[in-house]
């Protein structure tokens, strides 16, 4: 028996012995285990590289290796991506969103391992980014490729991508509820109650397996310095607004700086500029090295002096104003460090930078409040700042609330986390409609949202509704020749196309020639060029379906011609054909 025969028989046996809904549960369990293994492998790789490189560093001295290590890491990661992967693996969550909306939920096989290697090299050597987006891409790729292997349909593939993302978050953070919330809020999968169950299975399985591999301790050690008090609600509201504004700065700043790096065409220049920026910033501000989780744990436990380790500013660690200025400068320059890491060729995400900035923002806010005479808990506000930044940057308030609670075990502070998260989310929504992950796809109309109409339109492709059975006319044809074509056609609209360039010149409507088509004496007097009119609009074949429907709405037309970027005729799109396709996709998208 050859491999192909075995594979076909295996699929046939599965289909006849295991019901689809039961098999999805089995796959979700497997995805959870594999995602957990991948998450722990990535964390271990990063920590091993960091330990080897920095184990002998003195906390009291400035270390000049910070000028070298980040460049080496980015160089190794970019060479790995360029010559081994030969594909773009940056912006992991954005790639997942694109795969869901535009690639039938198919992620390439190399995504199951390439991000682990790339981000290990980047972050281990000091790249100022996070490992979470790469591992989410890895987990989603595991789900996608398992679904592809077992010939699952698109709806199930989408579900398995969500399972992989939830498993990755649960596995790397030990946060099963946050994994579920992330899938629903950030990936924006519109799930029914029954379809949420596989995501829960993956998330809980991954978390449990991580407990087995690394113990059940919370990711960050934290002891609530103060219990929640109603009198502090105004401070929580103000902190949420501040976090929302810092989130806006982070979102727009990252987008702008990465856009500048994309304009640099030569990889060597990207590496030189990005590496130089990153190395100098880490040398001046050592907390920017790597993910920054040591800084987070120090701040949420009130150990502010730890942020001055390996720094020029260590002699001034007892000065509160120096502390505030130092941490404020880190907030300002963090986006430059993170954008330079990715822009230069590194592989990483914005999860860790978001948490890092949140803890510092909350700590600075609390420190200034204390200096002004308010009774404020530095630890609690540093924790709440993480929730606020997570909610603002990712537009995911529930993910922010549950993630921080699960990372630290701070369940007694839920009300504080909810207030800060909500205010931050409401603040940034005033300025930015979409998260940093989603804004690029939203601008192209390629983003699936919780609006089911828009989600279905996003899943539909213009090329799938193009009709090519219309009779094409030449502008030099006579009315008599046109009448012969009309007699053989079942349509009442005819595109006029230049025979040499294939460019669409206009259209002829049956209603426009009906009054002269039965007068033979006019057959040689009129040509198609004289009878044709301009269409109400033309549709580019690359337009997303949502914009196509907007054109139909604006023109009031029922049929519109489709052309390519050079105005060459391709076919027609009819509103009725779109409606039929819409109903078909909606049924498939919504069925249980």
Protein backbone atom coordinates (compact mmCIF):
# COMPACT_ATOMS: atom_id res chain seq x y z
CA UNK A 1 0.00 0.00 0.00
CA UNK A 2 1.54 3.34 -0.98
CA UNK A 3 1.35 6.47 1.10
CA UNK A 4 -1.49 8.00 -0.89
CA UNK A 5 -3.70 4.92 -0.56
CA UNK A 6 -3.08 4.79 3.19
CA UNK A 7 -3.98 8.45 3.53
CA UNK A 8 -7.22 8.11 1.56
CA UNK A 9 -8.27 5.04 3.56
CA UNK A 10 -7.49 6.79 6.82
CA UNK A 11 -9.71 9.73 5.85
CA UNK A 12 -12.49 7.37 4.77
CA UNK A 13 -12.26 5.43 8.06
CA UNK A 14 -12.44 8.66 10.05
CA UNK A 15 -15.48 9.90 8.16
CA UNK A 16 -17.33 6.62 8.63
CA UNK A 17 -16.43 5.99 12.30
CA UNK A 18 -16.10 9.43 13.95
CA UNK A 19 -18.75 12.12 13.64
CA UNK A 20 -17.57 15.55 12.52
CA UNK A 21 -18.45 17.34 15.77
CA UNK A 22 -16.69 14.68 17.84
CA UNK A 23 -13.62 14.76 15.65
CA UNK A 24 -13.39 18.55 16.02
CA UNK A 25 -13.22 18.07 19.80
CA UNK A 26 -10.40 15.56 19.34
CA UNK A 27 -8.52 17.96 17.09
CA UNK A 28 -9.01 20.84 19.54
CA UNK A 29 -7.47 18.70 22.29
CA UNK A 30 -4.49 17.86 20.06
CA UNK A 31 -4.07 21.51 19.06
CA UNK A 32 -3.97 22.47 22.75
CA UNK A 33 -1.16 19.99 23.50
CA UNK A 34 0.93 20.97 20.48
CA UNK A 35 0.43 24.69 21.17
CA UNK A 36 1.55 24.24 24.76
CA UNK A 37 4.68 22.35 23.67
CA UNK A 38 5.49 25.08 21.15
CA UNK A 39 4.93 27.85 23.72
CA UNK A 40 7.19 26.21 26.29
CA UNK A 41 9.82 25.47 23.68
CA UNK A 42 9.85 29.12 22.65
CA UNK A 43 10.06 30.40 26.25
CA UNK A 44 12.84 27.96 27.10
CA UNK A 45 14.82 28.90 23.99
CA UNK A 46 14.59 32.62 24.75
CA UNK A 47 15.56 32.21 28.40
CA UNK A 48 18.44 29.88 27.53
CA UNK A 49 19.92 32.37 25.04
CA UNK A 50 19.47 35.27 27.47
CA UNK A 51 21.04 33.31 30.32
CA UNK A 52 24.07 32.34 28.26
CA UNK A 53 24.57 35.93 27.09
CA UNK A 54 23.87 37.88 30.31
CA UNK A 55 24.58 35.44 33.14
CA UNK A 56 27.90 37.10 34.04
CA UNK A 57 26.64 40.69 33.79
CA UNK A 58 27.03 42.79 36.93
CA UNK A 59 23.86 44.60 38.00
CA UNK A 60 25.97 47.52 39.19
CA UNK A 61 27.95 48.20 36.02
CA UNK A 62 27.10 49.56 32.59
CA UNK A 63 27.58 46.75 30.06
CA UNK A 64 28.82 47.53 26.57
CA UNK A 65 27.66 44.16 25.20
CA UNK A 66 24.23 45.79 24.94
CA UNK A 67 25.59 47.62 21.90
CA UNK A 68 26.37 44.34 20.14
CA UNK A 69 23.95 41.58 21.15
CA UNK A 70 20.72 43.05 19.63
CA UNK A 71 22.36 43.58 16.23
CA UNK A 72 23.66 40.00 16.22
CA UNK A 73 20.20 38.65 17.08
CA UNK A 74 18.43 40.64 14.38
CA UNK A 75 21.09 39.67 11.83
CA UNK A 76 20.70 35.95 12.62
CA UNK A 77 16.90 36.18 12.57
CA UNK A 78 16.81 38.11 9.27
CA UNK A 79 19.25 35.70 7.62
CA UNK A 80 17.15 32.77 8.83
CA UNK A 81 13.96 34.32 7.42
CA UNK A 82 15.59 35.44 4.17
CA UNK A 83 17.48 32.27 3.23
CA UNK A 84 15.68 29.43 5.05
CA UNK A 85 12.02 30.45 5.43
CA UNK A 86 11.90 32.70 2.33
CA UNK A 87 8.61 34.17 3.48
CA UNK A 88 7.44 37.08 5.64
CA UNK A 89 6.66 35.87 9.18
CA UNK A 90 6.35 39.26 10.88
CA UNK A 91 3.12 40.68 12.34
CA UNK A 92 1.88 37.25 13.35
CA UNK A 93 -1.64 38.19 14.46
CA UNK A 94 -2.20 40.31 11.34
CA UNK A 95 -1.19 37.32 9.21
CA UNK A 96 -3.74 35.18 11.03
CA UNK A 97 -6.49 37.73 10.40
CA UNK A 98 -5.49 37.86 6.73
CA UNK A 99 -5.53 34.06 6.45
CA UNK A 100 -9.03 33.92 7.94
CA UNK A 101 -10.48 36.55 5.63
CA UNK A 102 -8.52 36.04 2.40
CA UNK A 103 -6.85 32.60 2.37
CA UNK A 104 -9.70 30.31 3.49
CA UNK A 105 -8.03 29.97 6.92
CA UNK A 106 -4.94 28.33 5.44
CA UNK A 107 -1.56 29.08 7.07
CA UNK A 108 1.64 27.72 5.59
CA UNK A 109 3.25 24.66 7.17
CA UNK A 110 6.49 26.47 8.01
CA UNK A 111 4.53 28.79 10.32
CA UNK A 112 4.33 25.88 12.78
CA UNK A 113 8.05 26.27 13.53
CA UNK A 114 9.64 29.25 11.75
CA UNK A 115 8.36 31.88 14.19
CA UNK A 116 9.78 29.92 17.13
CA UNK A 117 13.30 30.03 15.72
CA UNK A 118 13.07 33.61 14.44
CA UNK A 119 11.69 35.10 17.66
CA UNK A 120 14.05 33.04 19.86
CA UNK A 121 17.02 34.59 18.09
CA UNK A 122 15.50 38.07 18.07
CA UNK A 123 14.35 38.25 21.69
CA UNK A 124 17.09 36.07 23.18
CA UNK A 125 19.71 38.51 21.91
CA UNK A 126 17.78 41.48 23.26
CA UNK A 127 15.21 42.47 20.62
CA UNK A 128 12.66 44.73 22.29
CA UNK A 129 9.57 42.75 21.26
CA UNK A 130 7.41 39.93 22.60
CA UNK A 131 7.16 36.22 21.94
CA UNK A 132 3.39 36.03 22.18
CA UNK A 133 2.40 37.06 18.63
CA UNK A 134 4.89 34.57 17.11
CA UNK A 135 3.56 31.77 19.31
CA UNK A 136 -0.04 32.72 18.49
CA UNK A 137 0.86 32.44 14.80
CA UNK A 138 2.52 29.09 15.55
CA UNK A 139 -0.53 27.78 17.43
CA UNK A 140 -2.91 28.96 14.73
CA UNK A 141 -0.72 27.37 12.05
CA UNK A 142 -0.83 24.08 13.97
CA UNK A 143 -4.64 24.23 14.00
CA UNK A 144 -4.82 25.25 10.33
CA UNK A 145 -2.50 22.50 9.12
CA UNK A 146 -4.18 19.80 11.21
CA UNK A 147 -7.49 20.86 9.66
CA UNK A 148 -5.94 20.88 6.20
CA UNK A 149 -4.45 17.41 6.75
CA UNK A 150 -7.85 15.98 7.67
CA UNK A 151 -9.63 17.86 4.83
CA UNK A 152 -11.80 20.03 7.07
CA UNK A 153 -14.06 22.68 5.53
CA UNK A 154 -13.33 26.40 5.75
CA UNK A 155 -15.60 27.00 8.75
CA UNK A 156 -13.87 24.25 10.72
CA UNK A 157 -10.45 25.52 9.65
CA UNK A 158 -11.38 28.94 11.00
CA UNK A 159 -12.42 27.32 14.28
CA UNK A 160 -9.15 25.37 14.53
CA UNK A 161 -7.17 28.57 13.95
CA UNK A 162 -9.04 30.02 16.92
CA UNK A 163 -8.24 26.88 18.93
CA UNK A 164 -4.56 27.28 18.12
CA UNK A 165 -4.53 30.94 19.13
CA UNK A 166 -6.35 30.23 22.40
CA UNK A 167 -4.02 27.31 23.12
CA UNK A 168 -0.96 29.48 22.47
CA UNK A 169 -2.14 32.21 24.87
CA UNK A 170 -3.16 29.63 27.48
CA UNK A 171 0.14 27.79 27.05
CA UNK A 172 2.53 30.74 27.23
CA UNK A 173 0.67 32.73 29.93
CA UNK A 174 -1.10 29.96 31.87
CA UNK A 175 -4.25 31.98 31.19
CA UNK A 176 -7.07 29.84 29.75
CA UNK A 177 -9.83 32.47 29.99
CA UNK A 178 -7.61 35.10 28.38
CA UNK A 179 -6.95 32.64 25.55
CA UNK A 180 -10.67 32.33 24.90
CA UNK A 181 -11.22 36.10 25.15
CA UNK A 182 -8.30 36.81 22.81
CA UNK A 183 -9.79 34.56 20.14
CA UNK A 184 -13.20 36.19 20.36
CA UNK A 185 -12.04 39.81 20.66
CA UNK A 186 -8.80 40.06 18.67
CA UNK A 187 -9.36 37.41 15.99
CA UNK A 188 -13.02 38.50 15.97
CA UNK A 189 -14.41 35.04 15.33
CA UNK A 190 -18.20 35.18 15.68
CA UNK A 191 -18.78 31.90 17.47
CA UNK A 192 -21.92 30.19 18.71
CA UNK A 193 -22.01 28.56 22.14
CA UNK A 194 -21.36 25.12 20.70
CA UNK A 195 -18.40 26.23 18.60
CA UNK A 196 -16.80 27.97 21.60
CA UNK A 197 -16.41 24.59 23.32
CA UNK A 198 -13.44 23.44 21.14
CA UNK A 199 -11.67 26.76 21.86
CA UNK A 200 -12.15 26.23 25.58
CA UNK A 201 -10.82 22.67 25.27
CA UNK A 202 -7.68 23.89 23.47
CA UNK A 203 -7.07 26.72 25.92
CA UNK A 204 -7.57 24.61 29.05
CA UNK A 205 -5.55 21.70 27.62
CA UNK A 206 -2.63 23.98 26.75
CA UNK A 207 -2.70 25.62 30.18
CA UNK A 208 -2.87 22.28 31.97
CA UNK A 209 -0.01 20.87 29.91
CA UNK A 210 2.07 23.96 30.74
CA UNK A 211 1.35 23.35 34.42
CA UNK A 212 2.79 19.87 33.97
CA UNK A 213 5.88 21.18 32.17
CA UNK A 214 6.67 24.26 34.27
CA UNK A 215 4.61 24.18 37.46
CA UNK A 216 1.41 25.95 38.50
CA UNK A 217 2.91 29.21 39.78
CA UNK A 218 1.53 32.44 38.35
CA UNK A 219 3.69 34.04 35.67
CA UNK A 220 4.29 37.13 37.83
CA UNK A 221 4.68 37.15 41.59
CA UNK A 222 2.27 39.73 43.02
CA UNK A 223 0.74 40.56 46.38
CA UNK A 224 -2.03 43.15 46.35
CA UNK A 225 -0.73 46.09 48.38
CA UNK A 226 -4.20 47.51 48.93
CA UNK A 227 -7.68 46.12 48.55
CA UNK A 228 -10.15 47.85 46.28
CA UNK A 229 -11.66 51.03 47.76
CA UNK A 230 -14.51 53.02 46.28
CA UNK A 231 -12.73 56.31 47.03
CA UNK A 232 -10.08 55.49 44.42
CA UNK A 233 -12.51 55.09 41.51
CA UNK A 234 -11.77 58.61 40.15
CA UNK A 235 -8.06 57.71 40.07
CA UNK A 236 -8.82 54.46 38.25
CA UNK A 237 -10.90 56.36 35.68
CA UNK A 238 -8.11 58.87 35.14
CA UNK A 239 -5.52 56.08 34.83
CA UNK A 240 -7.72 54.40 32.20
CA UNK A 241 -7.85 57.62 30.17
CA UNK A 242 -4.07 58.00 30.44
CA UNK A 243 -3.57 54.39 29.32
CA UNK A 244 -5.89 55.01 26.37
CA UNK A 245 -3.81 58.02 25.30
CA UNK A 246 -0.54 56.12 25.71
CA UNK A 247 -2.11 53.29 23.68
CA UNK A 248 -2.92 55.80 20.95
CA UNK A 249 0.70 57.01 20.97
CA UNK A 250 1.95 53.43 20.81
CA UNK A 251 -0.45 52.43 18.00
CA UNK A 252 0.18 55.40 15.75
CA UNK A 253 3.88 55.57 16.57
CA UNK A 254 4.51 51.91 15.77
CA UNK A 255 2.51 52.16 12.56
CA UNK A 256 4.37 55.29 11.46
CA UNK A 257 7.89 54.04 12.26
CA UNK A 258 7.34 50.61 10.71
CA UNK A 259 6.01 52.40 7.64
CA UNK A 260 9.28 54.33 7.39
CA UNK A 261 11.26 51.08 7.61
CA UNK A 262 9.15 49.56 4.82
CA UNK A 263 10.27 52.39 2.54
CA UNK A 264 13.89 51.26 2.96
CA UNK A 265 14.38 48.69 0.21
CA UNK A 266 17.86 47.31 0.99
CA UNK A 267 17.93 44.81 3.90
CA UNK A 268 21.47 45.84 4.87
CA UNK A 269 20.32 49.42 5.46
CA UNK A 270 17.32 48.24 7.47
CA UNK A 271 19.65 46.18 9.64
CA UNK A 272 22.16 49.00 10.05
CA UNK A 273 19.61 51.67 10.94
CA UNK A 274 17.32 49.50 13.05
CA UNK A 275 20.18 47.74 14.80
CA UNK A 276 21.88 51.03 15.63
CA UNK A 277 18.68 52.55 17.04
CA UNK A 278 17.91 49.46 19.12
CA UNK A 279 21.44 49.00 20.48
CA UNK A 280 21.84 52.63 21.53
CA UNK A 281 18.43 52.70 23.21
CA UNK A 282 19.11 49.47 25.13
CA UNK A 283 22.54 50.75 26.15
CA UNK A 284 20.98 53.94 27.58
CA UNK A 285 17.82 52.25 28.90
CA UNK A 286 18.66 48.59 29.79
CA UNK A 287 15.01 47.74 30.70
CA UNK A 288 14.32 47.84 26.94
CA UNK A 289 16.39 44.64 26.56
CA UNK A 290 14.21 41.67 25.56
CA UNK A 291 10.62 41.26 26.68
CA UNK A 292 11.01 43.35 29.84
CA UNK A 293 9.21 40.92 32.14
CA UNK A 294 11.82 41.41 34.90
CA UNK A 295 10.96 45.11 34.93
CA UNK A 296 7.23 44.33 35.10
CA UNK A 297 7.66 42.01 38.09
CA UNK A 298 9.86 44.56 39.85
CA UNK A 299 7.33 47.39 39.40
CA UNK A 300 4.21 45.43 40.40
CA UNK A 301 6.04 44.48 43.58
CA UNK A 302 7.25 48.00 44.35
CA UNK A 303 10.95 47.41 43.62
CA UNK A 304 11.56 50.52 41.52
CA UNK A 305 15.34 50.49 42.06
CA UNK A 306 15.61 47.34 39.95
CA UNK A 307 14.85 49.33 36.79
CA UNK A 308 18.18 51.13 37.20
CA UNK A 309 20.25 47.92 37.00
CA UNK A 310 23.09 48.14 34.42
CA UNK A 311 22.20 51.83 33.92
CA UNK A 312 24.10 55.12 33.98
CA UNK A 313 21.35 56.43 36.25
CA UNK A 314 21.81 53.89 39.04
CA UNK A 315 23.44 56.40 41.43
CA UNK A 316 20.19 58.41 41.31
CA UNK A 317 17.84 55.51 42.04
CA UNK A 318 16.61 57.10 45.31
CA UNK A 319 15.49 60.31 43.59
CA UNK A 320 11.75 60.14 42.79
CA UNK A 321 11.91 62.79 40.09
CA UNK A 322 14.78 61.03 38.34
CA UNK A 323 12.73 57.81 38.54
CA UNK A 324 9.68 59.46 36.96
CA UNK A 325 11.73 61.09 34.18
CA UNK A 326 13.67 57.87 33.51
CA UNK A 327 10.53 55.74 33.24
CA UNK A 328 8.74 58.40 31.16
CA UNK A 329 11.62 58.39 28.67
CA UNK A 330 11.33 54.62 28.44
CA UNK A 331 7.63 55.03 27.58
CA UNK A 332 8.57 57.50 24.84
CA UNK A 333 11.38 55.41 23.33
CA UNK A 334 9.87 51.93 23.68
CA UNK A 335 8.04 52.26 20.36
CA UNK A 336 11.32 53.16 18.63
CA UNK A 337 13.01 50.08 20.11
CA UNK A 338 10.16 47.72 19.19
CA UNK A 339 9.64 49.16 15.70
CA UNK A 340 13.40 49.11 15.05
CA UNK A 341 13.55 45.44 16.08
CA UNK A 342 10.87 44.37 13.61
CA UNK A 343 11.80 46.90 10.96
CA UNK A 344 15.42 45.75 10.90
CA UNK A 345 14.41 42.14 10.26
CA UNK A 346 13.67 40.75 13.71
CA UNK A 347 10.69 38.55 14.56
CA UNK A 348 8.45 39.53 17.45
CA UNK A 349 5.12 40.92 18.53
CA UNK A 350 3.62 43.73 20.59
CA UNK A 351 2.10 41.68 23.43
CA UNK A 352 5.10 42.01 25.77
CA UNK A 353 5.81 45.66 24.83
CA UNK A 354 2.16 46.43 25.63
CA UNK A 355 2.36 44.84 29.08
CA UNK A 356 5.76 46.46 29.68
CA UNK A 357 4.51 49.94 28.80
CA UNK A 358 1.34 49.40 30.82
CA UNK A 359 3.19 48.55 34.02
CA UNK A 360 5.46 51.59 33.63
CA UNK A 361 2.54 53.90 32.78
CA UNK A 362 0.63 52.76 35.85
CA UNK A 363 3.71 53.05 38.07
CA UNK A 364 4.54 56.57 36.83
CA UNK A 365 0.91 57.65 37.28
CA UNK A 366 0.89 56.30 40.84
CA UNK A 367 4.27 57.80 41.70
CA UNK A 368 3.19 61.27 40.53
CA UNK A 369 -0.07 60.84 42.50
CA UNK A 370 1.88 60.03 45.67
CA UNK A 371 4.18 63.02 45.12
CA UNK A 372 1.03 65.17 44.86
CA UNK A 373 -0.20 63.88 48.22
CA UNK A 374 -2.70 61.22 47.17
CA UNK A 375 -2.81 57.84 48.89
CA UNK A 376 -2.05 55.59 45.91
CA UNK A 377 -0.74 52.03 45.68
CA UNK A 378 2.24 51.87 43.32
CA UNK A 379 1.86 48.11 42.92
CA UNK A 380 -1.87 48.07 42.20
CA UNK A 381 -1.68 50.90 39.70
CA UNK A 382 1.27 49.32 37.91
CA UNK A 383 -0.84 46.19 37.58
CA UNK A 384 -3.89 48.13 36.40
CA UNK A 385 -1.79 49.96 33.82
CA UNK A 386 -1.03 46.64 32.14
CA UNK A 387 -4.77 46.02 31.77
CA UNK A 388 -5.32 49.49 30.38
CA UNK A 389 -2.61 49.24 27.75
CA UNK A 390 -3.66 45.75 26.70
CA UNK A 391 -7.25 46.93 26.29
CA UNK A 392 -6.25 50.06 24.38
CA UNK A 393 -3.65 48.71 21.98
CA UNK A 394 -5.50 45.51 21.14
CA UNK A 395 -9.04 46.88 21.47
CA UNK A 396 -9.68 43.90 23.73
CA UNK A 397 -10.99 44.97 27.16
CA UNK A 398 -12.01 41.47 28.30
CA UNK A 399 -8.67 40.00 27.24
CA UNK A 400 -6.90 42.72 29.23
CA UNK A 401 -8.97 42.10 32.35
CA UNK A 402 -8.69 38.33 32.44
CA UNK A 403 -5.09 38.15 31.25
CA UNK A 404 -3.74 40.37 34.03
CA UNK A 405 -5.86 38.61 36.64
CA UNK A 406 -4.60 35.21 35.49
CA UNK A 407 -0.96 36.32 35.13
CA UNK A 408 -0.77 37.50 38.73
CA UNK A 409 -3.64 35.84 40.57
CA UNK A 410 -5.05 39.29 41.38
CA UNK A 411 -8.69 38.20 41.19
CA UNK A 412 -9.60 40.37 44.20
CA UNK A 413 -8.87 43.47 42.09
CA UNK A 414 -11.30 42.67 39.29
CA UNK A 415 -13.30 45.89 39.74
CA UNK A 416 -10.16 48.01 39.45
CA UNK A 417 -9.07 46.12 36.34
CA UNK A 418 -12.53 46.46 34.79
CA UNK A 419 -12.68 50.23 35.34
CA UNK A 420 -9.21 50.91 33.93
CA UNK A 421 -9.69 48.54 31.00
CA UNK A 422 -13.06 50.01 30.03
CA UNK A 423 -11.90 53.63 30.23
CA UNK A 424 -8.79 52.91 28.19
CA UNK A 425 -10.84 51.16 25.51
CA UNK A 426 -13.42 53.95 25.33
CA UNK A 427 -10.65 56.55 25.11
CA UNK A 428 -8.76 55.01 22.19
CA UNK A 429 -11.97 54.19 20.29
CA UNK A 430 -12.54 57.93 19.98
CA UNK A 431 -9.37 58.18 17.88
CA UNK A 432 -8.78 54.73 16.38
CA UNK A 433 -11.54 52.45 15.08
CA UNK A 434 -9.30 49.40 14.79
CA UNK A 435 -6.46 47.85 16.76
CA UNK A 436 -2.84 47.89 15.66
CA UNK A 437 -3.28 44.29 14.49
CA UNK A 438 -6.33 45.03 12.36
CA UNK A 439 -5.89 48.54 10.97
CA UNK A 440 -3.90 47.57 7.86
CA UNK A 441 -6.43 44.93 6.82
CA UNK A 442 -9.37 47.20 7.66
CA UNK A 443 -8.01 49.86 5.30
CA UNK A 444 -8.03 47.28 2.49
CA UNK A 445 -11.48 45.92 3.38
CA UNK A 446 -9.94 42.53 4.24
CA UNK A 447 -10.90 42.36 7.92
CA UNK A 448 -13.58 40.06 9.31
CA UNK A 449 -15.52 41.72 12.13
CA UNK A 450 -18.31 40.77 14.54
CA UNK A 451 -20.74 42.44 12.12
CA UNK A 452 -21.99 39.34 10.34
CA UNK A 453 -22.96 41.18 7.14
CA UNK A 454 -19.47 42.65 6.82
CA UNK A 455 -17.89 39.33 7.82
CA UNK A 456 -19.73 37.48 5.05
CA UNK A 457 -18.87 40.15 2.48
CA UNK A 458 -15.22 39.92 3.52
CA UNK A 459 -15.24 36.17 2.93
CA UNK A 460 -16.71 36.64 -0.55
CA UNK A 461 -14.34 37.23 -3.47
CA UNK A 462 -15.13 39.41 -6.47
CA UNK A 463 -13.64 36.91 -8.93
CA UNK A 464 -16.13 34.27 -7.76
CA UNK A 465 -19.17 36.29 -8.89
CA UNK A 466 -17.89 37.56 -12.24
CA UNK A 467 -20.07 36.53 -15.21
CA UNK A 468 -18.33 36.05 -18.55
CA UNK A 469 -21.19 34.79 -20.72
CA UNK A 470 -22.05 38.20 -22.16
CA UNK A 471 -21.60 38.78 -25.91
CA UNK A 472 -18.73 41.19 -26.53
CA UNK A 473 -19.17 43.87 -29.21
CA UNK A 474 -16.67 45.71 -31.38
CA UNK A 475 -17.19 49.50 -31.74
CA UNK A 476 -17.18 49.19 -35.56
CA UNK A 477 -20.09 46.74 -35.73
CA UNK A 478 -23.21 47.93 -37.51
CA UNK A 479 -26.68 47.91 -36.03
CA UNK A 480 -27.50 44.95 -38.29
CA UNK A 481 -24.63 42.92 -36.89
CA UNK A 482 -25.71 43.90 -33.39
CA UNK A 483 -29.26 42.65 -34.06
CA UNK A 484 -27.88 39.21 -35.05
CA UNK A 485 -25.91 39.03 -31.78
CA UNK A 486 -28.94 40.13 -29.77
CA UNK A 487 -31.02 37.34 -31.32
CA UNK A 488 -28.56 34.75 -30.00
CA UNK A 489 -28.04 36.27 -26.55
CA UNK A 490 -29.94 35.68 -23.35
CA UNK A 491 -28.71 38.92 -21.80
CA UNK A 492 -29.88 42.49 -22.28
CA UNK A 493 -26.52 44.18 -21.81
CA UNK A 494 -23.49 44.07 -24.11
CA UNK A 495 -19.93 45.26 -23.36
CA UNK A 496 -18.10 47.16 -26.11
CA UNK A 497 -14.39 46.30 -26.16
CA UNK A 498 -11.50 47.55 -28.27
CA UNK A 499 -10.33 44.55 -30.30
CA UNK A 500 -6.65 45.50 -30.07
CA UNK A 501 -6.23 46.61 -26.44
CA UNK A 502 -9.21 44.75 -24.90
CA UNK A 503 -10.05 47.96 -23.07
CA UNK A 504 -13.71 48.47 -22.17
CA UNK A 505 -15.10 51.37 -24.21
CA UNK A 506 -18.73 51.34 -23.08
CA UNK A 507 -21.89 49.24 -23.00
CA UNK A 508 -24.96 48.80 -25.16
CA UNK A 509 -28.30 48.27 -23.42
CA UNK A 510 -31.11 46.41 -25.15
CA UNK A 511 -33.59 49.03 -23.96
CA UNK A 512 -31.56 51.75 -25.72
CA UNK A 513 -31.85 50.13 -29.18
CA UNK A 514 -35.28 48.52 -28.86
CA UNK A 515 -36.99 51.36 -30.69
CA UNK A 516 -34.79 51.00 -33.82
CA UNK A 517 -33.93 47.30 -33.88
CA UNK A 518 -36.92 46.46 -36.10
CA UNK A 519 -36.16 49.07 -38.77
CA UNK A 520 -33.94 47.39 -41.41
CA UNK A 521 -33.30 50.65 -43.22
CA UNK A 522 -31.22 51.78 -40.22
CA UNK A 523 -29.09 48.63 -39.96
CA UNK A 524 -26.16 50.10 -41.89
CA UNK A 525 -26.60 53.70 -40.75
CA UNK A 526 -25.72 53.21 -37.09
CA UNK A 527 -22.63 51.61 -35.54
CA UNK A 528 -22.14 50.24 -32.06
CA UNK A 529 -19.81 53.16 -31.32
CA UNK A 530 -22.73 55.54 -31.87
CA UNK A 531 -25.15 53.49 -29.80
CA UNK A 532 -22.97 52.67 -26.79
CA UNK A 533 -23.10 54.57 -23.51
CA UNK A 534 -20.79 54.78 -20.51
CA UNK A 535 -21.58 52.40 -17.62
CA UNK A 536 -22.63 54.01 -14.31
CA UNK A 537 -19.32 52.75 -12.87
CA UNK A 538 -16.68 50.09 -13.40
CA UNK A 539 -15.45 47.64 -10.81
CA UNK A 540 -11.78 46.78 -10.42
CA UNK A 541 -11.29 43.04 -10.07
CA UNK A 542 -9.13 43.57 -6.95
CA UNK A 543 -11.78 45.46 -4.99
CA UNK A 544 -13.09 43.78 -1.82
CA UNK A 545 -16.73 42.80 -1.91
CA UNK A 546 -17.77 45.38 0.67
CA UNK A 547 -16.56 48.18 -1.63
CA UNK A 548 -18.23 46.52 -4.62
CA UNK A 549 -21.55 46.56 -2.80
CA UNK A 550 -21.00 50.21 -1.90
CA UNK A 551 -20.57 51.04 -5.60
CA UNK A 552 -23.83 49.25 -6.42
CA UNK A 553 -25.50 51.20 -3.61
CA UNK A 554 -24.15 54.55 -4.85
CA UNK A 555 -25.03 53.99 -8.53
CA UNK A 556 -28.33 52.14 -8.13
CA UNK A 557 -27.20 49.76 -10.90
CA UNK A 558 -27.98 46.03 -11.13
CA UNK A 559 -25.15 45.11 -13.50
CA UNK A 560 -21.66 46.61 -13.67
CA UNK A 561 -18.62 45.75 -15.81
CA UNK A 562 -15.42 44.44 -14.23
CA UNK A 563 -12.01 45.57 -15.47
CA UNK A 564 -8.41 45.05 -14.40
CA UNK A 565 -5.95 47.76 -13.40
CA UNK A 566 -5.32 48.55 -17.10
CA UNK A 567 -9.07 48.99 -17.79
CA UNK A 568 -9.19 45.75 -19.79
CA UNK A 569 -12.59 44.08 -19.83
CA UNK A 570 -12.99 40.92 -17.72
CA UNK A 571 -16.73 40.38 -17.28
CA UNK A 572 -19.80 41.64 -15.44
CA UNK A 573 -21.04 41.47 -11.89
CA UNK A 574 -24.75 41.47 -11.17
CA UNK A 575 -26.34 42.37 -7.86
CA UNK A 576 -28.54 39.26 -8.05
CA UNK A 577 -25.47 37.02 -8.42
CA UNK A 578 -23.91 38.68 -5.38
CA UNK A 579 -27.09 38.15 -3.35
CA UNK A 580 -27.17 34.45 -4.27
CA UNK A 581 -23.50 34.05 -3.34
CA UNK A 582 -24.09 36.01 -0.14
CA UNK A 583 -26.89 33.67 0.94
CA UNK A 584 -24.71 30.64 0.23
CA UNK A 585 -21.76 31.98 2.25
CA UNK A 586 -24.04 33.15 5.07
CA UNK A 587 -25.54 29.69 5.47
CA UNK A 588 -22.08 28.10 5.47
CA UNK A 589 -20.69 30.76 7.82
CA UNK A 590 -23.53 30.47 10.32
CA UNK A 591 -24.47 26.80 10.35
CA UNK A 592 -23.67 24.82 13.48
